[in-house]
Amino acid sequence: PMASCQSLNVIEAGLRDLMQNSVPFGGKIIILGGDFRQVLPIVRHGSCIAQVNASLKRSSLWALFQKFQLNQNMRVKEDEKKFSKWLLQLGDESLSTVNGEIQLPP
């Protein structure tokens, strides 16, 4: 599961304390990776809204990060590109539906 914004806040405060300054993350470079559409943080007994609100993208620290986007997935083989594209469309909710159902690729 993805780390929650609480985790990021604890790390940020800890680094400021450790480095003895008030610069965000103690002035250290922090690298995060992943696809935020894949996994939400776990919120015990929480609703879907609570899970989204606990995500890193909802943290006040999120604005401090410089975001980079992967242009080419080096791990996807040529024959898997169609399925990879389908998964992205599924995550973006841009697939067409028939009677509210999504057709799985062959």
Protein backbone atom coordinates (compact mmCIF):
# COMPACT_ATOMS: atom_id res chain seq x y z
CA PRO A 1 0.00 0.00 0.00
CA MET A 2 0.96 3.59 -0.49
CA ALA A 3 2.32 5.55 2.45
CA SER A 4 -0.13 8.00 3.97
CA CYS A 5 0.32 11.75 4.21
CA GLN A 6 0.77 11.24 7.96
CA SER A 7 3.87 9.15 7.24
CA LEU A 8 5.25 11.89 5.01
CA ASN A 9 4.60 14.49 7.73
CA VAL A 10 6.46 12.37 10.31
CA ILE A 11 9.45 11.91 7.98
CA GLU A 12 9.49 15.63 7.19
CA ALA A 13 9.39 16.66 10.86
CA GLY A 14 12.01 14.05 11.76
CA LEU A 15 14.43 15.28 9.11
CA ARG A 16 13.96 18.91 10.19
CA ASP A 17 14.68 17.87 13.77
CA LEU A 18 17.65 15.71 12.79
CA MET A 19 19.20 18.42 10.60
CA GLN A 20 18.35 21.10 13.20
CA ASN A 21 16.80 23.54 10.75
CA SER A 22 13.37 24.64 9.60
CA VAL A 23 13.86 23.89 5.89
CA PRO A 24 11.32 21.33 4.61
CA PHE A 25 12.69 17.79 4.99
CA GLY A 26 15.74 19.27 6.68
CA GLY A 27 17.00 20.39 3.28
CA LYS A 28 17.37 16.79 2.08
CA ILE A 29 16.25 15.55 -1.33
CA ILE A 30 13.36 13.10 -1.11
CA ILE A 31 12.48 10.81 -4.02
CA LEU A 32 9.08 9.15 -4.24
CA GLY A 33 8.03 6.74 -6.95
CA GLY A 34 4.94 4.93 -8.06
CA ASP A 35 1.57 5.27 -9.70
CA PHE A 36 -0.92 6.92 -7.38
CA ARG A 37 -3.81 5.38 -9.30
CA GLN A 38 -2.74 1.88 -8.32
CA VAL A 39 -2.91 1.75 -4.53
CA LEU A 40 -4.43 3.98 -1.87
CA PRO A 41 -3.17 4.05 1.72
CA ILE A 42 -4.93 1.81 4.19
CA VAL A 43 -7.26 3.62 6.58
CA ARG A 44 -8.71 1.24 9.13
CA HIS A 45 -12.51 1.41 9.12
CA GLY A 46 -12.23 4.35 6.71
CA SER A 47 -14.36 5.14 3.71
CA CYS A 48 -13.07 5.56 0.17
CA ILE A 49 -13.03 9.31 0.76
CA ALA A 50 -10.90 8.81 3.89
CA GLN A 51 -8.43 6.75 1.87
CA VAL A 52 -8.16 9.41 -0.83
CA ASN A 53 -7.75 12.15 1.79
CA ALA A 54 -4.92 10.17 3.42
CA SER A 55 -2.98 9.92 0.14
CA LEU A 56 0.31 11.74 -0.35
CA LYS A 57 -1.22 13.96 -3.02
CA ARG A 58 -3.52 15.46 -0.36
CA SER A 59 -0.59 16.41 1.90
CA SER A 60 0.29 20.09 2.24
CA LEU A 61 3.87 18.99 1.51
CA TRP A 62 2.91 17.70 -1.97
CA ALA A 63 3.35 21.20 -3.46
CA LEU A 64 7.03 21.14 -2.45
CA PHE A 65 7.80 18.21 -4.75
CA GLN A 66 8.93 18.49 -8.35
CA LYS A 67 6.99 15.93 -10.38
CA PHE A 68 8.43 13.91 -13.25
CA GLN A 69 6.42 11.63 -15.48
CA LEU A 70 7.65 8.45 -17.09
CA ASN A 71 7.59 8.80 -20.89
CA GLN A 72 8.35 5.19 -21.73
CA ASN A 73 7.81 2.14 -19.57
CA MET A 74 11.05 0.20 -20.03
CA ARG A 75 9.63 -2.93 -18.37
CA VAL A 76 6.71 -3.42 -20.75
CA LYS A 77 7.46 -5.77 -23.62
CA GLU A 78 6.29 -4.87 -27.10
CA ASP A 79 3.41 -7.38 -27.06
CA GLU A 80 2.18 -6.10 -23.68
CA LYS A 81 1.84 -2.46 -24.72
CA LYS A 82 -1.83 -2.85 -25.69
CA PHE A 83 -2.70 -4.24 -22.28
CA SER A 84 -0.63 -1.53 -20.59
CA LYS A 85 -2.55 1.14 -22.53
CA TRP A 86 -5.85 -0.54 -21.59
CA LEU A 87 -4.89 -0.49 -17.90
CA LEU A 88 -4.10 3.23 -18.08
CA GLN A 89 -7.46 3.88 -19.74
CA LEU A 90 -9.13 1.84 -17.00
CA GLY A 91 -7.39 3.95 -14.35
CA ASP A 92 -8.40 7.15 -16.14
CA GLU A 93 -11.99 5.88 -16.42
CA SER A 94 -11.90 6.55 -20.17
CA LEU A 95 -12.98 3.07 -21.37
CA SER A 96 -16.36 2.71 -23.02
CA THR A 97 -18.90 0.58 -21.20
CA VAL A 98 -21.86 -1.55 -22.26
CA ASN A 99 -24.67 -1.56 -19.70
CA GLY A 100 -22.18 -0.23 -17.13
CA GLU A 101 -19.73 -3.09 -17.73
CA ILE A 102 -16.18 -2.89 -19.07
CA GLN A 103 -15.06 -5.38 -21.71
CA LEU A 104 -11.80 -7.15 -20.86
CA PRO A 105 -9.20 -7.29 -23.64
CA PRO A 106 -8.57 -10.67 -25.34
